[in-house]
PDB file of N, CA and C in Angstrom:
ATOM      1  N   MET A   1     -25.146  14.954   7.978  1.00  0.00           N
ATOM      2  CA  MET A   1     -25.103  14.177   6.755  1.00  0.00           C
ATOM      3  C   MET A   1     -25.510  12.740   7.092  1.00  0.00           C
ATOM      4  N   ASN A   2     -26.518  12.256   6.411  1.00  0.00           N
ATOM      5  CA  ASN A   2     -26.970  10.895   6.700  1.00  0.00           C
ATOM      6  C   ASN A   2     -26.152   9.884   5.903  1.00  0.00           C
ATOM      7  N   ASP A   3     -26.430   8.599   6.148  1.00  0.00           N
ATOM      8  CA  ASP A   3     -25.633   7.536   5.531  1.00  0.00           C
ATOM      9  C   ASP A   3     -25.784   7.498   4.011  1.00  0.00           C
ATOM     10  N   LEU A   4     -26.969   7.750   3.503  1.00  0.00           N
ATOM     11  CA  LEU A   4     -27.172   7.706   2.060  1.00  0.00           C
ATOM     12  C   LEU A   4     -26.365   8.795   1.356  1.00  0.00           C
ATOM     13  N   ASN A   5     -26.368   9.994   1.891  1.00  0.00           N
ATOM     14  CA  ASN A   5     -25.581  11.076   1.297  1.00  0.00           C
ATOM     15  C   ASN A   5     -24.085  10.758   1.320  1.00  0.00           C
ATOM     16  N   LEU A   6     -23.647  10.134   2.394  1.00  0.00           N
ATOM     17  CA  LEU A   6     -22.238   9.771   2.509  1.00  0.00           C
ATOM     18  C   LEU A   6     -21.856   8.722   1.461  1.00  0.00           C
ATOM     19  N   TRP A   7     -22.699   7.719   1.263  1.00  0.00           N
ATOM     20  CA  TRP A   7     -22.420   6.693   0.255  1.00  0.00           C
ATOM     21  C   TRP A   7     -22.464   7.273  -1.155  1.00  0.00           C
ATOM     22  N   VAL A   8     -23.375   8.179  -1.404  1.00  0.00           N
ATOM     23  CA  VAL A   8     -23.428   8.834  -2.717  1.00  0.00           C
ATOM     24  C   VAL A   8     -22.160   9.644  -2.951  1.00  0.00           C
ATOM     25  N   LEU A   9     -21.693  10.338  -1.923  1.00  0.00           N
ATOM     26  CA  LEU A   9     -20.461  11.109  -2.029  1.00  0.00           C
ATOM     27  C   LEU A   9     -19.268  10.197  -2.319  1.00  0.00           C
ATOM     28  N   PHE A  10     -19.157   9.064  -1.608  1.00  0.00           N
ATOM     29  CA  PHE A  10     -18.079   8.107  -1.867  1.00  0.00           C
ATOM     30  C   PHE A  10     -18.137   7.586  -3.293  1.00  0.00           C
ATOM     31  N   PHE A  11     -19.333   7.245  -3.745  1.00  0.00           N
ATOM     32  CA  PHE A  11     -19.496   6.725  -5.100  1.00  0.00           C
ATOM     33  C   PHE A  11     -19.095   7.765  -6.138  1.00  0.00           C
ATOM     34  N   LEU A  12     -19.522   9.004  -5.963  1.00  0.00           N
ATOM     35  CA  LEU A  12     -19.198  10.052  -6.933  1.00  0.00           C
ATOM     36  C   LEU A  12     -17.702  10.364  -6.954  1.00  0.00           C
ATOM     37  N   CYS A  13     -17.072  10.371  -5.793  1.00  0.00           N
ATOM     38  CA  CYS A  13     -15.625  10.610  -5.754  1.00  0.00           C
ATOM     39  C   CYS A  13     -14.871   9.464  -6.425  1.00  0.00           C
ATOM     40  N   GLY A  14     -15.289   8.232  -6.180  1.00  0.00           N
ATOM     41  CA  GLY A  14     -14.654   7.089  -6.823  1.00  0.00           C
ATOM     42  C   GLY A  14     -14.850   7.113  -8.327  1.00  0.00           C
ATOM     43  N   LEU A  15     -16.045   7.461  -8.772  1.00  0.00           N
ATOM     44  CA  LEU A  15     -16.321   7.551 -10.206  1.00  0.00           C
ATOM     45  C   LEU A  15     -15.497   8.660 -10.851  1.00  0.00           C
ATOM     46  N   ALA A  16     -15.365   9.779 -10.170  1.00  0.00           N
ATOM     47  CA  ALA A  16     -14.590  10.896 -10.714  1.00  0.00           C
ATOM     48  C   ALA A  16     -13.111  10.510 -10.866  1.00  0.00           C
ATOM     49  N   THR A  17     -12.523   9.857  -9.870  1.00  0.00           N
ATOM     50  CA  THR A  17     -11.118   9.468  -9.983  1.00  0.00           C
ATOM     51  C   THR A  17     -10.936   8.392 -11.049  1.00  0.00           C
ATOM     52  N   TYR A  18     -11.907   7.496 -11.182  1.00  0.00           N
ATOM     53  CA  TYR A  18     -11.832   6.482 -12.231  1.00  0.00           C
ATOM     54  C   TYR A  18     -11.874   7.123 -13.613  1.00  0.00           C
ATOM     55  N   LEU A  19     -12.751   8.082 -13.811  1.00  0.00           N
ATOM     56  CA  LEU A  19     -12.857   8.740 -15.112  1.00  0.00           C
ATOM     57  C   LEU A  19     -11.614   9.562 -15.434  1.00  0.00           C
ATOM     58  N   ILE A  20     -11.006  10.166 -14.425  1.00  0.00           N
ATOM     59  CA  ILE A  20      -9.770  10.912 -14.652  1.00  0.00           C
ATOM     60  C   ILE A  20      -8.667   9.964 -15.118  1.00  0.00           C
ATOM     61  N   ARG A  21      -8.528   8.827 -14.454  1.00  0.00           N
ATOM     62  CA  ARG A  21      -7.509   7.851 -14.857  1.00  0.00           C
ATOM     63  C   ARG A  21      -7.808   7.281 -16.236  1.00  0.00           C
ATOM     64  N   LEU A  22      -9.066   6.996 -16.503  1.00  0.00           N
ATOM     65  CA  LEU A  22      -9.444   6.447 -17.800  1.00  0.00           C
ATOM     66  C   LEU A  22      -9.146   7.427 -18.927  1.00  0.00           C
ATOM     67  N   SER A  23      -9.333   8.721 -18.664  1.00  0.00           N
ATOM     68  CA  SER A  23      -9.055   9.703 -19.708  1.00  0.00           C
ATOM     69  C   SER A  23      -7.575   9.730 -20.064  1.00  0.00           C
ATOM     70  N   PHE A  24      -6.700   9.583 -19.080  1.00  0.00           N
ATOM     71  CA  PHE A  24      -5.271   9.567 -19.368  1.00  0.00           C
ATOM     72  C   PHE A  24      -4.872   8.291 -20.104  1.00  0.00           C
ATOM     73  N   ILE A  25      -5.495   7.173 -19.750  1.00  0.00           N
ATOM     74  CA  ILE A  25      -5.201   5.926 -20.451  1.00  0.00           C
ATOM     75  C   ILE A  25      -5.632   6.043 -21.906  1.00  0.00           C
ATOM     76  N   GLN A  26      -6.803   6.592 -22.151  1.00  0.00           N
ATOM     77  CA  GLN A  26      -7.271   6.763 -23.519  1.00  0.00           C
ATOM     78  C   GLN A  26      -6.396   7.753 -24.284  1.00  0.00           C
ATOM     79  N   LEU A  27      -5.961   8.812 -23.628  1.00  0.00           N
ATOM     80  CA  LEU A  27      -5.100   9.802 -24.274  1.00  0.00           C
ATOM     81  C   LEU A  27      -3.779   9.183 -24.702  1.00  0.00           C
ATOM     82  N   HIS A  28      -3.155   8.414 -23.797  1.00  0.00           N
ATOM     83  CA  HIS A  28      -1.869   7.804 -24.117  1.00  0.00           C
ATOM     84  C   HIS A  28      -2.023   6.627 -25.063  1.00  0.00           C
ATOM     85  N   GLY A  29      -3.163   5.964 -25.058  1.00  0.00           N
ATOM     86  CA  GLY A  29      -3.366   4.839 -25.955  1.00  0.00           C
ATOM     87  C   GLY A  29      -3.444   5.265 -27.407  1.00  0.00           C
ATOM     88  N   LYS A  30      -3.897   6.486 -27.651  1.00  0.00           N
ATOM     89  CA  LYS A  30      -4.048   6.960 -29.025  1.00  0.00           C
ATOM     90  C   LYS A  30      -2.829   7.727 -29.527  1.00  0.00           C
ATOM     91  N   SER A  31      -1.928   8.067 -28.644  1.00  0.00           N
ATOM     92  CA  SER A  31      -0.762   8.844 -29.073  1.00  0.00           C
ATOM     93  C   SER A  31       0.510   8.072 -28.746  1.00  0.00           C
ATOM     94  N   GLY A  32       0.964   7.244 -29.668  1.00  0.00           N
ATOM     95  CA  GLY A  32       2.153   6.424 -29.474  1.00  0.00           C
ATOM     96  C   GLY A  32       3.425   7.217 -29.278  1.00  0.00           C
ATOM     97  N   PRO A  33       3.667   8.274 -30.093  1.00  0.00           N
ATOM     98  CA  PRO A  33       4.919   9.038 -29.905  1.00  0.00           C
ATOM     99  C   PRO A  33       5.024   9.704 -28.532  1.00  0.00           C
ATOM    100  N   LEU A  34       3.902  10.164 -28.009  1.00  0.00           N
ATOM    101  CA  LEU A  34       3.927  10.781 -26.679  1.00  0.00           C
ATOM    102  C   LEU A  34       4.282   9.747 -25.620  1.00  0.00           C
ATOM    103  N   LEU A  35       3.756   8.542 -25.770  1.00  0.00           N
ATOM    104  CA  LEU A  35       4.063   7.481 -24.819  1.00  0.00           C
ATOM    105  C   LEU A  35       5.535   7.083 -24.888  1.00  0.00           C
ATOM    106  N   ARG A  36       6.095   7.014 -26.073  1.00  0.00           N
ATOM    107  CA  ARG A  36       7.518   6.677 -26.202  1.00  0.00           C
ATOM    108  C   ARG A  36       8.407   7.760 -25.593  1.00  0.00           C
ATOM    109  N   ARG A  37       8.001   9.020 -25.717  1.00  0.00           N
ATOM    110  CA  ARG A  37       8.803  10.101 -25.126  1.00  0.00           C
ATOM    111  C   ARG A  37       8.713  10.109 -23.610  1.00  0.00           C
ATOM    112  N   SER A  38       7.566   9.729 -23.070  1.00  0.00           N
ATOM    113  CA  SER A  38       7.385   9.778 -21.614  1.00  0.00           C
ATOM    114  C   SER A  38       7.836   8.494 -20.924  1.00  0.00           C
ATOM    115  N   GLN A  39       8.245   7.475 -21.667  1.00  0.00           N
ATOM    116  CA  GLN A  39       8.658   6.201 -21.076  1.00  0.00           C
ATOM    117  C   GLN A  39       9.828   6.347 -20.099  1.00  0.00           C
ATOM    118  N   PRO A  40      10.894   7.108 -20.395  1.00  0.00           N
ATOM    119  CA  PRO A  40      11.980   7.244 -19.410  1.00  0.00           C
ATOM    120  C   PRO A  40      11.524   7.897 -18.103  1.00  0.00           C
ATOM    121  N   VAL A  41      10.602   8.826 -18.197  1.00  0.00           N
ATOM    122  CA  VAL A  41      10.101   9.474 -16.984  1.00  0.00           C
ATOM    123  C   VAL A  41       9.244   8.503 -16.177  1.00  0.00           C
ATOM    124  N   LEU A  42       8.456   7.692 -16.856  1.00  0.00           N
ATOM    125  CA  LEU A  42       7.606   6.726 -16.164  1.00  0.00           C
ATOM    126  C   LEU A  42       8.420   5.650 -15.453  1.00  0.00           C
ATOM    127  N   LEU A  43       9.615   5.367 -15.937  1.00  0.00           N
ATOM    128  CA  LEU A  43      10.471   4.390 -15.271  1.00  0.00           C
ATOM    129  C   LEU A  43      11.006   4.898 -13.934  1.00  0.00           C
ATOM    130  N   LEU A  44      10.982   6.202 -13.736  1.00  0.00           N
ATOM    131  CA  LEU A  44      11.461   6.778 -12.475  1.00  0.00           C
ATOM    132  C   LEU A  44      10.394   6.793 -11.391  1.00  0.00           C
ATOM    133  N   LEU A  45       9.164   6.484 -11.726  1.00  0.00           N
ATOM    134  CA  LEU A  45       8.087   6.532 -10.739  1.00  0.00           C
ATOM    135  C   LEU A  45       8.221   5.509  -9.601  1.00  0.00           C
ATOM    136  N   PRO A  46       8.507   4.228  -9.866  1.00  0.00           N
ATOM    137  CA  PRO A  46       8.603   3.290  -8.736  1.00  0.00           C
ATOM    138  C   PRO A  46       9.650   3.667  -7.684  1.00  0.00           C
ATOM    139  N   PRO A  47      10.890   4.078  -8.066  1.00  0.00           N
ATOM    140  CA  PRO A  47      11.819   4.495  -7.007  1.00  0.00           C
ATOM    141  C   PRO A  47      11.346   5.737  -6.251  1.00  0.00           C
ATOM    142  N   ALA A  48      10.689   6.646  -6.945  1.00  0.00           N
ATOM    143  CA  ALA A  48      10.199   7.849  -6.267  1.00  0.00           C
ATOM    144  C   ALA A  48       9.086   7.503  -5.281  1.00  0.00           C
ATOM    145  N   ILE A  49       8.210   6.595  -5.667  1.00  0.00           N
ATOM    146  CA  ILE A  49       7.136   6.184  -4.765  1.00  0.00           C
ATOM    147  C   ILE A  49       7.701   5.445  -3.568  1.00  0.00           C
ATOM    148  N   LEU A  50       8.672   4.560  -3.801  1.00  0.00           N
ATOM    149  CA  LEU A  50       9.293   3.835  -2.693  1.00  0.00           C
ATOM    150  C   LEU A  50       9.971   4.794  -1.722  1.00  0.00           C
ATOM    151  N   ALA A  51      10.677   5.781  -2.241  1.00  0.00           N
ATOM    152  CA  ALA A  51      11.329   6.765  -1.369  1.00  0.00           C
ATOM    153  C   ALA A  51      10.295   7.580  -0.593  1.00  0.00           C
ATOM    154  N   ALA A  52       9.208   7.960  -1.250  1.00  0.00           N
ATOM    155  CA  ALA A  52       8.175   8.745  -0.565  1.00  0.00           C
ATOM    156  C   ALA A  52       7.489   7.942   0.529  1.00  0.00           C
ATOM    157  N   LEU A  53       7.385   6.638   0.358  1.00  0.00           N
ATOM    158  CA  LEU A  53       6.753   5.804   1.377  1.00  0.00           C
ATOM    159  C   LEU A  53       7.700   5.433   2.510  1.00  0.00           C
ATOM    160  N   CYS A  54       8.987   5.286   2.222  1.00  0.00           N
ATOM    161  CA  CYS A  54       9.925   4.762   3.219  1.00  0.00           C
ATOM    162  C   CYS A  54      10.686   5.820   4.005  1.00  0.00           C
ATOM    163  N   ILE A  55      11.085   6.899   3.394  1.00  0.00           N
ATOM    164  CA  ILE A  55      11.969   7.859   4.054  1.00  0.00           C
ATOM    165  C   ILE A  55      11.298   8.584   5.229  1.00  0.00           C
ATOM    166  N   PRO A  56      10.088   9.150   5.102  1.00  0.00           N
ATOM    167  CA  PRO A  56       9.521   9.865   6.249  1.00  0.00           C
ATOM    168  C   PRO A  56       9.335   9.016   7.506  1.00  0.00           C
ATOM    169  N   PRO A  57       8.837   7.776   7.418  1.00  0.00           N
ATOM    170  CA  PRO A  57       8.739   7.002   8.665  1.00  0.00           C
ATOM    171  C   PRO A  57      10.088   6.638   9.265  1.00  0.00           C
ATOM    172  N   ILE A  58      11.124   6.547   8.441  1.00  0.00           N
ATOM    173  CA  ILE A  58      12.448   6.231   8.984  1.00  0.00           C
ATOM    174  C   ILE A  58      13.012   7.435   9.715  1.00  0.00           C
ATOM    175  N   VAL A  59      12.895   8.604   9.138  1.00  0.00           N
ATOM    176  CA  VAL A  59      13.527   9.795   9.706  1.00  0.00           C
ATOM    177  C   VAL A  59      12.701  10.380  10.849  1.00  0.00           C
ATOM    178  N   TYR A  60      11.401  10.458  10.685  1.00  0.00           N
ATOM    179  CA  TYR A  60      10.542  11.062  11.695  1.00  0.00           C
ATOM    180  C   TYR A  60       9.685   9.989  12.347  1.00  0.00           C
ATOM    181  N   SER A  61      10.312   9.145  13.158  1.00  0.00           N
ATOM    182  CA  SER A  61       9.600   8.010  13.727  1.00  0.00           C
ATOM    183  C   SER A  61       8.928   8.335  15.059  1.00  0.00           C
ATOM    184  N   LYS A  62       9.454   9.239  15.806  1.00  0.00           N
ATOM    185  CA  LYS A  62       8.911   9.559  17.129  1.00  0.00           C
ATOM    186  C   LYS A  62       8.213  10.911  17.090  1.00  0.00           C
ATOM    187  N   GLN A  63       7.437  11.179  18.116  1.00  0.00           N
ATOM    188  CA  GLN A  63       6.748  12.457  18.213  1.00  0.00           C
ATOM    189  C   GLN A  63       7.635  13.544  18.847  1.00  0.00           C
ATOM    190  N   ALA A  64       8.856  13.197  19.177  1.00  0.00           N
ATOM    191  CA  ALA A  64       9.766  14.170  19.782  1.00  0.00           C
ATOM    192  C   ALA A  64      10.269  15.149  18.729  1.00  0.00           C
ATOM    193  N   GLU A  65      10.856  16.222  19.212  1.00  0.00           N
ATOM    194  CA  GLU A  65      11.411  17.214  18.295  1.00  0.00           C
ATOM    195  C   GLU A  65      12.737  16.719  17.736  1.00  0.00           C
ATOM    196  N   GLY A  66      13.001  17.100  16.522  1.00  0.00           N
ATOM    197  CA  GLY A  66      14.272  16.752  15.911  1.00  0.00           C
ATOM    198  C   GLY A  66      14.273  15.366  15.299  1.00  0.00           C
ATOM    199  N   LEU A  67      15.454  14.968  14.867  1.00  0.00           N
ATOM    200  CA  LEU A  67      15.633  13.684  14.208  1.00  0.00           C
ATOM    201  C   LEU A  67      15.845  12.591  15.239  1.00  0.00           C
ATOM    202  N   GLN A  68      15.080  11.520  15.123  1.00  0.00           N
ATOM    203  CA  GLN A  68      15.267  10.361  15.964  1.00  0.00           C
ATOM    204  C   GLN A  68      15.260   9.148  15.052  1.00  0.00           C
ATOM    205  N   VAL A  69      16.395   8.552  14.886  1.00  0.00           N
ATOM    206  CA  VAL A  69      16.524   7.431  13.962  1.00  0.00           C
ATOM    207  C   VAL A  69      16.843   6.174  14.753  1.00  0.00           C
ATOM    208  N   GLU A  70      16.118   5.101  14.473  1.00  0.00           N
ATOM    209  CA  GLU A  70      16.387   3.816  15.110  1.00  0.00           C
ATOM    210  C   GLU A  70      17.183   2.937  14.153  1.00  0.00           C
ATOM    211  N   LEU A  71      18.036   2.093  14.710  1.00  0.00           N
ATOM    212  CA  LEU A  71      18.830   1.180  13.896  1.00  0.00           C
ATOM    213  C   LEU A  71      17.933   0.218  13.128  1.00  0.00           C
ATOM    214  N   ALA A  72      16.856  -0.243  13.751  1.00  0.00           N
ATOM    215  CA  ALA A  72      15.947  -1.187  13.093  1.00  0.00           C
ATOM    216  C   ALA A  72      15.324  -0.570  11.845  1.00  0.00           C
ATOM    217  N   GLN A  73      14.975   0.684  11.925  1.00  0.00           N
ATOM    218  CA  GLN A  73      14.353   1.346  10.776  1.00  0.00           C
ATOM    219  C   GLN A  73      15.364   1.577   9.651  1.00  0.00           C
ATOM    220  N   ILE A  74      16.587   1.916  10.006  1.00  0.00           N
ATOM    221  CA  ILE A  74      17.625   2.093   8.993  1.00  0.00           C
ATOM    222  C   ILE A  74      17.902   0.771   8.288  1.00  0.00           C
ATOM    223  N   LEU A  75      18.014  -0.313   9.049  1.00  0.00           N
ATOM    224  CA  LEU A  75      18.267  -1.619   8.449  1.00  0.00           C
ATOM    225  C   LEU A  75      17.099  -2.071   7.583  1.00  0.00           C
ATOM    226  N   ALA A  76      15.870  -1.824   8.028  1.00  0.00           N
ATOM    227  CA  ALA A  76      14.698  -2.181   7.228  1.00  0.00           C
ATOM    228  C   ALA A  76      14.655  -1.371   5.939  1.00  0.00           C
ATOM    229  N   GLY A  77      15.043  -0.123   6.008  1.00  0.00           N
ATOM    230  CA  GLY A  77      15.133   0.693   4.795  1.00  0.00           C
ATOM    231  C   GLY A  77      16.185   0.163   3.837  1.00  0.00           C
ATOM    232  N   CYS A  78      17.308  -0.290   4.367  1.00  0.00           N
ATOM    233  CA  CYS A  78      18.353  -0.873   3.513  1.00  0.00           C
ATOM    234  C   CYS A  78      17.871  -2.166   2.865  1.00  0.00           C
ATOM    235  N   VAL A  79      17.126  -2.978   3.619  1.00  0.00           N
ATOM    236  CA  VAL A  79      16.559  -4.206   3.049  1.00  0.00           C
ATOM    237  C   VAL A  79      15.593  -3.852   1.921  1.00  0.00           C
ATOM    238  N   ALA A  80      14.779  -2.828   2.120  1.00  0.00           N
ATOM    239  CA  ALA A  80      13.833  -2.401   1.086  1.00  0.00           C
ATOM    240  C   ALA A  80      14.562  -1.914  -0.164  1.00  0.00           C
ATOM    241  N   VAL A  81      15.666  -1.207   0.017  1.00  0.00           N
ATOM    242  CA  VAL A  81      16.432  -0.719  -1.133  1.00  0.00           C
ATOM    243  C   VAL A  81      17.051  -1.884  -1.902  1.00  0.00           C
ATOM    244  N   VAL A  82      17.598  -2.860  -1.188  1.00  0.00           N
ATOM    245  CA  VAL A  82      18.193  -4.021  -1.856  1.00  0.00           C
ATOM    246  C   VAL A  82      17.118  -4.808  -2.610  1.00  0.00           C
ATOM    247  N   LEU A  83      15.961  -5.000  -1.989  1.00  0.00           N
ATOM    248  CA  LEU A  83      14.881  -5.713  -2.673  1.00  0.00           C
ATOM    249  C   LEU A  83      14.358  -4.930  -3.872  1.00  0.00           C
ATOM    250  N   ALA A  84      14.359  -3.609  -3.779  1.00  0.00           N
ATOM    251  CA  ALA A  84      13.897  -2.786  -4.902  1.00  0.00           C
ATOM    252  C   ALA A  84      14.823  -2.914  -6.103  1.00  0.00           C
ATOM    253  N   LYS A  85      16.088  -3.210  -5.841  1.00  0.00           N
ATOM    254  CA  LYS A  85      17.028  -3.389  -6.949  1.00  0.00           C
ATOM    255  C   LYS A  85      16.713  -4.645  -7.752  1.00  0.00           C
ATOM    256  N   TYR A  86      16.182  -5.660  -7.098  1.00  0.00           N
ATOM    257  CA  TYR A  86      15.961  -6.936  -7.766  1.00  0.00           C
ATOM    258  C   TYR A  86      14.522  -7.153  -8.240  1.00  0.00           C
ATOM    259  N   PHE A  87      13.565  -6.434  -7.682  1.00  0.00           N
ATOM    260  CA  PHE A  87      12.162  -6.606  -8.068  1.00  0.00           C
ATOM    261  C   PHE A  87      11.645  -5.318  -8.681  1.00  0.00           C
ATOM    262  N   LYS A  88      10.831  -5.432  -9.722  1.00  0.00           N
ATOM    263  CA  LYS A  88      10.260  -4.250 -10.357  1.00  0.00           C
ATOM    264  C   LYS A  88       9.016  -3.765  -9.627  1.00  0.00           C
ATOM    265  N   SER A  89       8.345  -4.652  -8.926  1.00  0.00           N
ATOM    266  CA  SER A  89       7.134  -4.294  -8.200  1.00  0.00           C
ATOM    267  C   SER A  89       7.490  -3.610  -6.878  1.00  0.00           C
ATOM    268  N   LEU A  90       6.649  -2.702  -6.444  1.00  0.00           N
ATOM    269  CA  LEU A  90       6.862  -2.045  -5.151  1.00  0.00           C
ATOM    270  C   LEU A  90       6.416  -2.903  -3.979  1.00  0.00           C
ATOM    271  N   LEU A  91       5.636  -3.941  -4.262  1.00  0.00           N
ATOM    272  CA  LEU A  91       5.107  -4.780  -3.192  1.00  0.00           C
ATOM    273  C   LEU A  91       6.221  -5.471  -2.419  1.00  0.00           C
ATOM    274  N   TRP A  92       7.167  -6.071  -3.110  1.00  0.00           N
ATOM    275  CA  TRP A  92       8.198  -6.865  -2.446  1.00  0.00           C
ATOM    276  C   TRP A  92       9.162  -6.037  -1.596  1.00  0.00           C
ATOM    277  N   PRO A  93       9.644  -4.884  -2.056  1.00  0.00           N
ATOM    278  CA  PRO A  93      10.498  -4.089  -1.154  1.00  0.00           C
ATOM    279  C   PRO A  93       9.772  -3.615   0.101  1.00  0.00           C
ATOM    280  N   ILE A  94       8.531  -3.176  -0.051  1.00  0.00           N
ATOM    281  CA  ILE A  94       7.794  -2.701   1.124  1.00  0.00           C
ATOM    282  C   ILE A  94       7.497  -3.858   2.060  1.00  0.00           C
ATOM    283  N   LEU A  95       7.045  -4.979   1.507  1.00  0.00           N
ATOM    284  CA  LEU A  95       6.736  -6.150   2.320  1.00  0.00           C
ATOM    285  C   LEU A  95       7.988  -6.690   2.997  1.00  0.00           C
ATOM    286  N   GLY A  96       9.083  -6.794   2.253  1.00  0.00           N
ATOM    287  CA  GLY A  96      10.321  -7.299   2.838  1.00  0.00           C
ATOM    288  C   GLY A  96      10.877  -6.385   3.922  1.00  0.00           C
ATOM    289  N   GLY A  97      10.815  -5.082   3.691  1.00  0.00           N
ATOM    290  CA  GLY A  97      11.285  -4.143   4.705  1.00  0.00           C
ATOM    291  C   GLY A  97      10.453  -4.186   5.971  1.00  0.00           C
ATOM    292  N   MET A  98       9.131  -4.296   5.814  1.00  0.00           N
ATOM    293  CA  MET A  98       8.263  -4.354   6.996  1.00  0.00           C
ATOM    294  C   MET A  98       8.451  -5.657   7.758  1.00  0.00           C
ATOM    295  N   ILE A  99       8.580  -6.772   7.029  1.00  0.00           N
ATOM    296  CA  ILE A  99       8.807  -8.053   7.705  1.00  0.00           C
ATOM    297  C   ILE A  99      10.133  -8.027   8.457  1.00  0.00           C
ATOM    298  N   PHE A 100      11.167  -7.458   7.832  1.00  0.00           N
ATOM    299  CA  PHE A 100      12.450  -7.346   8.522  1.00  0.00           C
ATOM    300  C   PHE A 100      12.326  -6.477   9.771  1.00  0.00           C
ATOM    301  N   LEU A 101      11.623  -5.334   9.647  1.00  0.00           N
ATOM    302  CA  LEU A 101      11.462  -4.436  10.788  1.00  0.00           C
ATOM    303  C   LEU A 101      10.728  -5.115  11.935  1.00  0.00           C
ATOM    304  N   TRP A 102       9.622  -5.773  11.636  1.00  0.00           N
ATOM    305  CA  TRP A 102       8.858  -6.449  12.690  1.00  0.00           C
ATOM    306  C   TRP A 102       9.644  -7.604  13.288  1.00  0.00           C
ATOM    307  N   GLY A 103      10.351  -8.362  12.441  1.00  0.00           N
ATOM    308  CA  GLY A 103      11.167  -9.465  12.947  1.00  0.00           C
ATOM    309  C   GLY A 103      12.312  -8.973  13.819  1.00  0.00           C
ATOM    310  N   TYR A 104      12.955  -7.910  13.407  1.00  0.00           N
ATOM    311  CA  TYR A 104      14.051  -7.335  14.184  1.00  0.00           C
ATOM    312  C   TYR A 104      13.547  -6.847  15.550  1.00  0.00           C
ATOM    313  N   ARG A 105      12.421  -6.154  15.534  1.00  0.00           N
ATOM    314  CA  ARG A 105      11.878  -5.659  16.804  1.00  0.00           C
ATOM    315  C   ARG A 105      11.406  -6.809  17.696  1.00  0.00           C
ATOM    316  N   TRP A 106      10.908  -7.882  17.097  1.00  0.00           N
ATOM    317  CA  TRP A 106      10.451  -9.017  17.893  1.00  0.00           C
ATOM    318  C   TRP A 106      11.640  -9.765  18.497  1.00  0.00           C
ATOM    319  N   LEU A 107      12.722  -9.929  17.701  1.00  0.00           N
ATOM    320  CA  LEU A 107      13.890 -10.659  18.197  1.00  0.00           C
ATOM    321  C   LEU A 107      14.715  -9.830  19.182  1.00  0.00           C
ATOM    322  N   ILE A 108      14.984  -8.583  18.834  1.00  0.00           N
ATOM    323  CA  ILE A 108      15.855  -7.746  19.651  1.00  0.00           C
ATOM    324  C   ILE A 108      15.074  -7.074  20.777  1.00  0.00           C
ATOM    325  N   GLY A 109      13.872  -6.633  20.438  1.00  0.00           N
ATOM    326  CA  GLY A 109      13.032  -6.023  21.463  1.00  0.00           C
ATOM    327  C   GLY A 109      12.906  -4.590  21.362  1.00  0.00           C
TER     328      GLY A 109
END
């Protein structure tokens, strides 16, 4: 596969995902009652995304068999949970947890 075919493939995949998202936005924009019914479910998405991003690296951190949990990762996860309680955006809990993790590892070693 040459470079031109690869770029065309990237462009087509990006266009396809954009059109899929746009279709859902247009669908929900025209149907107000459906959007009001789905609002409680949509509010559960940020905590679910945060859990999906944070839990696997905390629990399965090493390549060894079984569970290996580090104190630094548990504390960073707790910092992320506390920040998630106060901020609606996912950026701040993830950023705060990572900064805490890196700072803890730099200070403690």
